[in-house]
Amino acid sequence: MSNQLDIAIDQGSSLLYTFTLTDTSGAAYPLTSFDARLQVRRTYGDTNILINCTLANSKLVLTNAASGILSLVLEPADTSSIRFNSKEDDTLDCVYDLEVIRPDGKTYKPAKGSFTIAREVTR
C-alpha cells in the first residue's frame, strides 16, 4: 500500500522533494538498478499528464540508491505553463503517484497523494 505524501509547489518555482523508501521494518530499501516514474494529473482518471517525471528526463534522481533515497527535481518551466481551471482559482489541486520498477520488471507504488500548485503572479 502506498504512503500518502502530499506535495505543494508554487507555480514557476523550483522544487526539490526527497523520498526515502524503507521496507516494512523501517530499513532502507535499496534502489540500485531500479527505474522510477512519477506523474502529475488533474484527477486519477485524467488521460492528460501535467508533469511527467522519470530518471531519463532527470526530474527524478536516485540521490542515494543504496539508502533508498530518490529526489523529485522540478524547475520553473515544469509548472509555469500549466493552466488553472478558472481565472479566480488560487490553487490547482492535482494528484500524483510514484512508481519504482525493479530490474525484474515488478512495479511498486511507494507514494501517492495530492499535488497542489499555487498560482504565480510574477511572470
C-alpha atoms as a PDB file:
ATOM      1  CA  MET A   1       0.000   0.000   0.000  1.00  0.00           C
ATOM      2  CA  SER A   2       1.259   3.454  -0.890  1.00  0.00           C
ATOM      3  CA  ASN A   3       2.195   6.082   1.655  1.00  0.00           C
ATOM      4  CA  GLN A   4       0.055   9.223   1.423  1.00  0.00           C
ATOM      5  CA  LEU A   5       2.535  12.081   0.928  1.00  0.00           C
ATOM      6  CA  ASP A   6       1.143  15.421  -0.187  1.00  0.00           C
ATOM      7  CA  ILE A   7       3.323  17.818  -2.208  1.00  0.00           C
ATOM      8  CA  ALA A   8       2.836  21.559  -2.772  1.00  0.00           C
ATOM      9  CA  ILE A   9       4.692  23.860  -5.162  1.00  0.00           C
ATOM     10  CA  ASP A  10       4.426  27.489  -6.204  1.00  0.00           C
ATOM     11  CA  GLN A  11       3.855  27.726  -9.945  1.00  0.00           C
ATOM     12  CA  GLY A  12       7.024  28.821 -11.733  1.00  0.00           C
ATOM     13  CA  SER A  13       9.301  27.853  -8.825  1.00  0.00           C
ATOM     14  CA  SER A  14      11.914  25.165  -8.330  1.00  0.00           C
ATOM     15  CA  LEU A  15      11.176  22.176  -6.116  1.00  0.00           C
ATOM     16  CA  LEU A  16      13.395  19.553  -4.532  1.00  0.00           C
ATOM     17  CA  TYR A  17      11.339  16.887  -2.751  1.00  0.00           C
ATOM     18  CA  THR A  18      13.079  13.839  -1.301  1.00  0.00           C
ATOM     19  CA  PHE A  19      11.525  10.411  -0.864  1.00  0.00           C
ATOM     20  CA  THR A  20      13.233   7.955   1.484  1.00  0.00           C
ATOM     21  CA  LEU A  21      11.990   4.452   0.745  1.00  0.00           C
ATOM     22  CA  THR A  22      12.006   1.858   3.510  1.00  0.00           C
ATOM     23  CA  ASP A  23      10.768  -1.688   3.886  1.00  0.00           C
ATOM     24  CA  THR A  24       8.126  -2.765   6.412  1.00  0.00           C
ATOM     25  CA  SER A  25      10.738  -2.963   9.188  1.00  0.00           C
ATOM     26  CA  GLY A  26      11.873   0.627   8.540  1.00  0.00           C
ATOM     27  CA  ALA A  27      15.186  -0.355   6.945  1.00  0.00           C
ATOM     28  CA  ALA A  28      16.381   1.444   3.818  1.00  0.00           C
ATOM     29  CA  TYR A  29      15.012  -0.066   0.610  1.00  0.00           C
ATOM     30  CA  PRO A  30      17.937  -0.121  -1.850  1.00  0.00           C
ATOM     31  CA  LEU A  31      17.094   1.147  -5.331  1.00  0.00           C
ATOM     32  CA  THR A  32      20.253   0.050  -7.136  1.00  0.00           C
ATOM     33  CA  SER A  33      19.427  -0.791 -10.786  1.00  0.00           C
ATOM     34  CA  PHE A  34      15.814   0.338 -10.310  1.00  0.00           C
ATOM     35  CA  ASP A  35      13.856   2.626 -12.618  1.00  0.00           C
ATOM     36  CA  ALA A  36      11.281   5.143 -11.401  1.00  0.00           C
ATOM     37  CA  ARG A  37       8.465   7.313 -12.705  1.00  0.00           C
ATOM     38  CA  LEU A  38       6.114   9.895 -11.252  1.00  0.00           C
ATOM     39  CA  GLN A  39       3.208  11.591 -12.989  1.00  0.00           C
ATOM     40  CA  VAL A  40       1.028  14.530 -12.002  1.00  0.00           C
ATOM     41  CA  ARG A  41      -2.527  14.692 -13.364  1.00  0.00           C
ATOM     42  CA  ARG A  42      -5.593  16.793 -12.537  1.00  0.00           C
ATOM     43  CA  THR A  43      -7.506  13.677 -11.439  1.00  0.00           C
ATOM     44  CA  TYR A  44      -6.759   9.962 -11.223  1.00  0.00           C
ATOM     45  CA  GLY A  45      -8.889   9.299 -14.316  1.00  0.00           C
ATOM     46  CA  ASP A  46      -7.424  12.124 -16.426  1.00  0.00           C
ATOM     47  CA  THR A  47      -5.521  10.997 -19.523  1.00  0.00           C
ATOM     48  CA  ASN A  48      -3.563  14.280 -19.743  1.00  0.00           C
ATOM     49  CA  ILE A  49      -0.230  14.283 -17.894  1.00  0.00           C
ATOM     50  CA  LEU A  50       0.640  17.715 -16.444  1.00  0.00           C
ATOM     51  CA  ILE A  51       4.138  16.776 -15.260  1.00  0.00           C
ATOM     52  CA  ASN A  52       5.974  13.605 -16.304  1.00  0.00           C
ATOM     53  CA  CYS A  53       8.996  12.689 -14.192  1.00  0.00           C
ATOM     54  CA  THR A  54      11.470   9.900 -14.925  1.00  0.00           C
ATOM     55  CA  LEU A  55      15.103   9.113 -14.270  1.00  0.00           C
ATOM     56  CA  ALA A  56      15.719   9.569 -18.013  1.00  0.00           C
ATOM     57  CA  ASN A  57      14.451  13.178 -18.047  1.00  0.00           C
ATOM     58  CA  SER A  58      16.250  13.953 -14.739  1.00  0.00           C
ATOM     59  CA  LYS A  59      13.097  15.082 -12.962  1.00  0.00           C
ATOM     60  CA  LEU A  60      13.677  12.051 -10.720  1.00  0.00           C
ATOM     61  CA  VAL A  61      17.168  11.455  -9.384  1.00  0.00           C
ATOM     62  CA  LEU A  62      18.485   8.480  -7.415  1.00  0.00           C
ATOM     63  CA  THR A  63      20.179  10.658  -4.810  1.00  0.00           C
ATOM     64  CA  ASN A  64      21.449   7.649  -2.842  1.00  0.00           C
ATOM     65  CA  ALA A  65      20.280   4.382  -4.392  1.00  0.00           C
ATOM     66  CA  ALA A  66      21.827   2.182  -1.685  1.00  0.00           C
ATOM     67  CA  SER A  67      19.924   4.091   1.018  1.00  0.00           C
ATOM     68  CA  GLY A  68      16.621   4.216  -0.904  1.00  0.00           C
ATOM     69  CA  ILE A  69      16.736   7.984  -1.425  1.00  0.00           C
ATOM     70  CA  LEU A  70      15.059   9.351  -4.547  1.00  0.00           C
ATOM     71  CA  SER A  71      14.526  13.043  -5.298  1.00  0.00           C
ATOM     72  CA  LEU A  72      11.905  14.868  -7.337  1.00  0.00           C
ATOM     73  CA  VAL A  73      13.585  17.836  -9.030  1.00  0.00           C
ATOM     74  CA  LEU A  74      11.345  20.386 -10.764  1.00  0.00           C
ATOM     75  CA  GLU A  75      12.362  23.621 -12.451  1.00  0.00           C
ATOM     76  CA  PRO A  76      10.192  26.715 -13.027  1.00  0.00           C
ATOM     77  CA  ALA A  77       9.371  25.681 -16.622  1.00  0.00           C
ATOM     78  CA  ASP A  78       7.782  22.447 -15.371  1.00  0.00           C
ATOM     79  CA  THR A  79       4.810  24.323 -13.869  1.00  0.00           C
ATOM     80  CA  SER A  80       4.814  27.822 -15.366  1.00  0.00           C
ATOM     81  CA  SER A  81       2.668  26.935 -18.397  1.00  0.00           C
ATOM     82  CA  ILE A  82       0.068  24.850 -16.537  1.00  0.00           C
ATOM     83  CA  ARG A  83      -3.431  26.290 -16.986  1.00  0.00           C
ATOM     84  CA  PHE A  84      -5.728  26.663 -14.000  1.00  0.00           C
ATOM     85  CA  ASN A  85      -9.418  25.760 -14.126  1.00  0.00           C
ATOM     86  CA  SER A  86     -10.540  29.396 -13.913  1.00  0.00           C
ATOM     87  CA  LYS A  87      -9.073  32.891 -13.560  1.00  0.00           C
ATOM     88  CA  GLU A  88     -10.279  33.031  -9.952  1.00  0.00           C
ATOM     89  CA  ASP A  89      -8.500  29.866  -8.768  1.00  0.00           C
ATOM     90  CA  ASP A  90      -5.529  30.466  -6.472  1.00  0.00           C
ATOM     91  CA  THR A  91      -4.526  26.806  -6.453  1.00  0.00           C
ATOM     92  CA  LEU A  92      -4.799  23.799  -8.687  1.00  0.00           C
ATOM     93  CA  ASP A  93      -5.336  20.578  -6.757  1.00  0.00           C
ATOM     94  CA  CYS A  94      -3.915  17.605  -8.631  1.00  0.00           C
ATOM     95  CA  VAL A  95      -2.822  14.052  -7.834  1.00  0.00           C
ATOM     96  CA  TYR A  96       0.395  12.113  -8.316  1.00  0.00           C
ATOM     97  CA  ASP A  97       1.909   8.741  -7.666  1.00  0.00           C
ATOM     98  CA  LEU A  98       5.454   7.421  -7.619  1.00  0.00           C
ATOM     99  CA  GLU A  99       6.274   4.030  -9.062  1.00  0.00           C
ATOM    100  CA  VAL A 100       9.579   2.189  -8.751  1.00  0.00           C
ATOM    101  CA  ILE A 101      10.390  -0.653 -11.107  1.00  0.00           C
ATOM    102  CA  ARG A 102      12.719  -3.455 -10.062  1.00  0.00           C
ATOM    103  CA  PRO A 103      15.186  -4.928 -12.568  1.00  0.00           C
ATOM    104  CA  ASP A 104      12.885  -7.989 -12.900  1.00  0.00           C
ATOM    105  CA  GLY A 105      10.031  -5.686 -14.021  1.00  0.00           C
ATOM    106  CA  LYS A 106       7.968  -5.811 -10.819  1.00  0.00           C
ATOM    107  CA  THR A 107       6.467  -2.412 -10.083  1.00  0.00           C
ATOM    108  CA  TYR A 108       5.741  -0.902  -6.668  1.00  0.00           C
ATOM    109  CA  LYS A 109       3.981   2.307  -5.681  1.00  0.00           C
ATOM    110  CA  PRO A 110       5.645   3.634  -2.500  1.00  0.00           C
ATOM    111  CA  ALA A 111       3.992   7.079  -2.541  1.00  0.00           C
ATOM    112  CA  LYS A 112       0.920   8.880  -3.796  1.00  0.00           C
ATOM    113  CA  GLY A 113      -1.069  11.922  -2.802  1.00  0.00           C
ATOM    114  CA  SER A 114      -2.213  15.381  -3.649  1.00  0.00           C
ATOM    115  CA  PHE A 115      -0.014  17.691  -5.700  1.00  0.00           C
ATOM    116  CA  THR A 116      -1.058  21.296  -5.159  1.00  0.00           C
ATOM    117  CA  ILE A 117       0.158  24.084  -7.429  1.00  0.00           C
ATOM    118  CA  ALA A 118      -0.260  27.643  -6.105  1.00  0.00           C
ATOM    119  CA  ARG A 119      -0.781  30.166  -8.912  1.00  0.00           C
ATOM    120  CA  GLU A 120       2.062  32.558  -9.611  1.00  0.00           C
ATOM    121  CA  VAL A 121       1.522  36.281 -10.032  1.00  0.00           C
ATOM    122  CA  THR A 122       5.004  37.366 -11.068  1.00  0.00           C
ATOM    123  CA  ARG A 123       5.940  36.075 -14.521  1.00  0.00           C
END
